[in-house]
């Protein structure tokens, strides 16, 4: 593993343990050149999945991009990072176990929307505003009112 501080190729594992949800292994490493310590995570990847974007563009599924977009929607909200990580892991598991080599980005967006709806209504609306390409304040208002109506029905 390359050291993020000095770019030396050799590091030694000092400690390994599973994460709380047991979906990955956290490893503490120490660089044999500069002595710096850093953390890496090892996750199971079941298969390579290609995401079909708008305009038929294709790119490999990227867990980091998924986590970044969900984290952005949850920014400054009372949502624990562990909860975001669980959502990302769940979506990644669904994508990889679906048995398909390709998945539409719209399907991933719907999975994120379903997950955020259960976690935080503001994050859900934030994500929807980008995903559904809101262009006017009225779009926010209409969507927020449907979210509110659904919350009132559940209560």
Foldseek 3Di string as FASTA:
>chain_A
DADPPPRDPDKAWDDWDAPPVRQWIKTWIAHPPPRDIDIDIGGDQQDWAWEQEPPRDIDTDDLVVQLVLLCVLCPPHPDDSVLSVVLSVVLSCCRRPVPDRYDYVVVSLVSSLVSVLVGDPSSSLSSCCVSVVDDDPVVSVVVSVVSVVVVVVVD
